[in-house]
Amino acid sequence: MKQILISLIEFYQKNISAYTTAKCRYQPTCSNYMLIAIQRFGTIKGIMMGCARILRCNPFVKGGYDPVPTHFKLSKNNSTKN
């Protein structure tokens, strides 16, 4: 399953995304982010992270550098409660 998803993302990058005018606001791009997340964390976690990233990518955000984290966590909030 993992390799099938990676192949689909690579197909999208080479054959669809390359010919569209819409550009991702983040670096790495959303498709590359999901590709790296799937390779690093596996299919389920990678899809969850990639979908969360796609939902963050919209015209109302500035964008910028947003790398795939080194550790998987469900919450974006890093604060600790005492």
N, C-alpha and C. Protein backbone atom coordinates (compact mmCIF):
# COMPACT_ATOMS: atom_id res chain seq x y z
N MET A 1 0.83 -1.20 0.00
CA MET A 1 0.00 0.00 0.00
C MET A 1 0.87 1.26 0.00
N LYS A 2 1.91 1.22 0.80
CA LYS A 2 2.81 2.37 0.90
C LYS A 2 3.42 2.71 -0.46
N GLN A 3 3.90 1.70 -1.16
CA GLN A 3 4.55 1.93 -2.45
C GLN A 3 3.54 2.41 -3.50
N ILE A 4 2.31 1.92 -3.42
CA ILE A 4 1.27 2.38 -4.35
C ILE A 4 1.01 3.86 -4.15
N LEU A 5 0.88 4.30 -2.90
CA LEU A 5 0.65 5.73 -2.62
C LEU A 5 1.82 6.58 -3.07
N ILE A 6 3.02 6.11 -2.83
CA ILE A 6 4.21 6.86 -3.27
C ILE A 6 4.21 6.99 -4.79
N SER A 7 3.86 5.92 -5.49
CA SER A 7 3.81 5.95 -6.95
C SER A 7 2.73 6.92 -7.44
N LEU A 8 1.57 6.94 -6.77
CA LEU A 8 0.50 7.86 -7.14
C LEU A 8 0.91 9.33 -6.94
N ILE A 9 1.58 9.61 -5.85
CA ILE A 9 2.05 10.97 -5.58
C ILE A 9 3.08 11.38 -6.62
N GLU A 10 4.02 10.49 -6.93
CA GLU A 10 5.03 10.79 -7.93
C GLU A 10 4.39 11.00 -9.31
N PHE A 11 3.37 10.21 -9.65
CA PHE A 11 2.65 10.40 -10.91
C PHE A 11 2.00 11.79 -10.92
N TYR A 12 1.35 12.17 -9.83
CA TYR A 12 0.73 13.48 -9.72
C TYR A 12 1.76 14.59 -9.91
N GLN A 13 2.91 14.47 -9.25
CA GLN A 13 3.94 15.50 -9.34
C GLN A 13 4.45 15.67 -10.76
N LYS A 14 4.67 14.57 -11.47
CA LYS A 14 5.27 14.61 -12.81
C LYS A 14 4.27 14.91 -13.91
N ASN A 15 3.02 14.45 -13.76
CA ASN A 15 2.07 14.51 -14.86
C ASN A 15 0.90 15.46 -14.68
N ILE A 16 0.64 15.90 -13.46
CA ILE A 16 -0.49 16.80 -13.23
C ILE A 16 -0.02 18.13 -12.66
N SER A 17 0.66 18.08 -11.54
CA SER A 17 1.09 19.30 -10.86
C SER A 17 2.02 20.15 -11.71
N ALA A 18 2.86 19.50 -12.49
CA ALA A 18 3.82 20.23 -13.32
C ALA A 18 3.13 21.11 -14.37
N TYR A 19 1.88 20.80 -14.69
CA TYR A 19 1.18 21.52 -15.75
C TYR A 19 0.04 22.40 -15.25
N THR A 20 -0.05 22.61 -13.95
CA THR A 20 -1.08 23.49 -13.41
C THR A 20 -0.47 24.81 -13.00
N THR A 21 -1.30 25.84 -12.98
CA THR A 21 -0.81 27.17 -12.61
C THR A 21 -0.81 27.37 -11.09
N ALA A 22 -1.61 26.61 -10.36
CA ALA A 22 -1.66 26.74 -8.90
C ALA A 22 -0.34 26.26 -8.31
N LYS A 23 0.18 27.02 -7.36
CA LYS A 23 1.44 26.66 -6.71
C LYS A 23 1.22 26.59 -5.20
N CYS A 24 1.90 25.66 -4.58
CA CYS A 24 1.81 25.49 -3.13
C CYS A 24 2.48 26.68 -2.42
N ARG A 25 1.90 27.08 -1.31
CA ARG A 25 2.44 28.21 -0.54
C ARG A 25 3.57 27.80 0.40
N TYR A 26 3.79 26.51 0.52
CA TYR A 26 4.79 26.01 1.45
C TYR A 26 5.96 25.36 0.73
N GLN A 27 7.06 25.25 1.44
CA GLN A 27 8.21 24.46 1.01
C GLN A 27 8.51 23.48 2.12
N PRO A 28 8.60 22.21 1.88
CA PRO A 28 8.38 21.53 0.60
C PRO A 28 6.90 21.61 0.21
N THR A 29 6.62 21.37 -1.07
CA THR A 29 5.24 21.43 -1.54
C THR A 29 4.38 20.41 -0.78
N CYS A 30 3.08 20.59 -0.85
CA CYS A 30 2.18 19.69 -0.11
C CYS A 30 2.32 18.24 -0.58
N SER A 31 2.47 18.04 -1.89
CA SER A 31 2.61 16.66 -2.37
C SER A 31 3.94 16.06 -1.92
N ASN A 32 4.98 16.85 -1.92
CA ASN A 32 6.28 16.36 -1.46
C ASN A 32 6.26 16.12 0.05
N TYR A 33 5.56 16.98 0.78
CA TYR A 33 5.39 16.82 2.23
C TYR A 33 4.73 15.47 2.53
N MET A 34 3.64 15.16 1.81
CA MET A 34 2.96 13.89 2.05
C MET A 34 3.85 12.71 1.66
N LEU A 35 4.58 12.85 0.59
CA LEU A 35 5.50 11.79 0.16
C LEU A 35 6.54 11.50 1.24
N ILE A 36 7.15 12.54 1.78
CA ILE A 36 8.15 12.38 2.84
C ILE A 36 7.51 11.81 4.10
N ALA A 37 6.32 12.31 4.45
CA ALA A 37 5.63 11.83 5.66
C ALA A 37 5.29 10.34 5.55
N ILE A 38 4.84 9.90 4.38
CA ILE A 38 4.53 8.48 4.19
C ILE A 38 5.80 7.64 4.27
N GLN A 39 6.88 8.13 3.67
CA GLN A 39 8.14 7.39 3.72
C GLN A 39 8.68 7.33 5.15
N ARG A 40 8.52 8.39 5.90
CA ARG A 40 9.08 8.48 7.25
C ARG A 40 8.22 7.79 8.31
N PHE A 41 6.89 7.93 8.21
CA PHE A 41 6.01 7.47 9.28
C PHE A 41 5.06 6.34 8.88
N GLY A 42 5.05 5.95 7.61
CA GLY A 42 4.15 4.90 7.17
C GLY A 42 2.88 5.48 6.56
N THR A 43 2.05 4.59 6.06
CA THR A 43 0.88 4.99 5.28
C THR A 43 -0.13 5.81 6.07
N ILE A 44 -0.61 5.30 7.17
CA ILE A 44 -1.69 5.95 7.92
C ILE A 44 -1.25 7.30 8.48
N LYS A 45 -0.15 7.31 9.21
CA LYS A 45 0.33 8.56 9.80
C LYS A 45 0.73 9.56 8.71
N GLY A 46 1.34 9.07 7.66
CA GLY A 46 1.75 9.94 6.56
C GLY A 46 0.57 10.60 5.88
N ILE A 47 -0.50 9.84 5.67
CA ILE A 47 -1.71 10.41 5.07
C ILE A 47 -2.33 11.44 6.01
N MET A 48 -2.39 11.13 7.30
CA MET A 48 -2.94 12.08 8.28
C MET A 48 -2.16 13.38 8.27
N MET A 49 -0.83 13.28 8.26
CA MET A 49 0.01 14.48 8.26
C MET A 49 -0.14 15.25 6.95
N GLY A 50 -0.18 14.51 5.84
CA GLY A 50 -0.32 15.16 4.54
C GLY A 50 -1.65 15.87 4.38
N CYS A 51 -2.72 15.24 4.85
CA CYS A 51 -4.05 15.87 4.77
C CYS A 51 -4.12 17.11 5.65
N ALA A 52 -3.53 17.04 6.83
CA ALA A 52 -3.50 18.21 7.71
C ALA A 52 -2.74 19.35 7.04
N ARG A 53 -1.67 19.03 6.35
CA ARG A 53 -0.89 20.04 5.64
C ARG A 53 -1.71 20.66 4.51
N ILE A 54 -2.40 19.84 3.74
CA ILE A 54 -3.23 20.34 2.64
C ILE A 54 -4.31 21.28 3.17
N LEU A 55 -4.89 20.94 4.31
CA LEU A 55 -5.91 21.81 4.91
C LEU A 55 -5.33 23.14 5.37
N ARG A 56 -4.05 23.15 5.75
CA ARG A 56 -3.39 24.41 6.16
C ARG A 56 -3.03 25.28 4.96
N CYS A 57 -2.91 24.68 3.79
CA CYS A 57 -2.46 25.40 2.59
C CYS A 57 -3.66 26.05 1.91
N ASN A 58 -3.83 27.33 2.15
CA ASN A 58 -4.95 28.06 1.56
C ASN A 58 -4.54 29.51 1.32
N PRO A 59 -5.36 30.26 0.59
CA PRO A 59 -4.99 31.64 0.24
C PRO A 59 -4.86 32.60 1.42
N PHE A 60 -5.31 32.18 2.60
CA PHE A 60 -5.30 33.07 3.76
C PHE A 60 -4.06 32.93 4.63
N VAL A 61 -3.13 32.07 4.26
CA VAL A 61 -1.90 31.90 5.02
C VAL A 61 -0.71 32.39 4.21
N LYS A 62 0.30 32.82 4.91
CA LYS A 62 1.50 33.32 4.26
C LYS A 62 2.32 32.18 3.64
N GLY A 63 2.33 31.03 4.29
CA GLY A 63 3.12 29.91 3.80
C GLY A 63 4.55 29.99 4.30
N GLY A 64 5.49 29.47 3.52
CA GLY A 64 6.89 29.49 3.90
C GLY A 64 7.44 28.09 4.11
N TYR A 65 8.53 28.01 4.84
CA TYR A 65 9.20 26.74 5.08
C TYR A 65 8.49 25.99 6.20
N ASP A 66 8.02 24.79 5.91
CA ASP A 66 7.29 23.96 6.86
C ASP A 66 7.68 22.50 6.64
N PRO A 67 8.81 22.08 7.20
CA PRO A 67 9.29 20.72 6.95
C PRO A 67 8.47 19.67 7.67
N VAL A 68 8.59 18.44 7.21
CA VAL A 68 7.96 17.31 7.89
C VAL A 68 8.66 17.14 9.24
N PRO A 69 7.90 17.05 10.33
CA PRO A 69 8.54 16.90 11.64
C PRO A 69 9.30 15.57 11.76
N THR A 70 10.20 15.51 12.68
CA THR A 70 10.96 14.28 12.89
C THR A 70 10.20 13.28 13.76
N HIS A 71 9.20 13.76 14.50
CA HIS A 71 8.39 12.89 15.35
C HIS A 71 6.92 13.12 15.05
N PHE A 72 6.15 12.04 15.04
CA PHE A 72 4.71 12.15 14.80
C PHE A 72 4.00 12.50 16.07
N LYS A 73 3.09 13.48 16.00
CA LYS A 73 2.21 13.79 17.11
C LYS A 73 0.89 14.31 16.56
N LEU A 74 -0.18 14.03 17.26
CA LEU A 74 -1.50 14.42 16.78
C LEU A 74 -1.77 15.89 16.95
N SER A 75 -1.15 16.53 17.92
CA SER A 75 -1.41 17.93 18.21
C SER A 75 -0.28 18.81 17.71
N LYS A 76 -0.64 19.95 17.15
CA LYS A 76 0.36 20.93 16.71
C LYS A 76 0.86 21.75 17.91
N ASN A 77 0.08 21.77 18.99
CA ASN A 77 0.40 22.54 20.18
C ASN A 77 1.54 21.88 20.95
N ASN A 78 2.64 22.59 21.12
CA ASN A 78 3.81 22.04 21.81
C ASN A 78 3.87 22.43 23.28
N SER A 79 2.89 23.21 23.74
CA SER A 79 2.95 23.69 25.12
C SER A 79 2.69 22.56 26.11
N THR A 80 3.26 22.71 27.29
CA THR A 80 3.04 21.74 28.35
C THR A 80 2.23 22.39 29.46
N LYS A 81 1.41 21.60 30.10
CA LYS A 81 0.60 22.11 31.21
C LYS A 81 1.18 21.62 32.51
N ASN A 82 1.26 22.51 33.50
CA ASN A 82 1.79 22.15 34.81
C ASN A 82 0.68 21.74 35.74
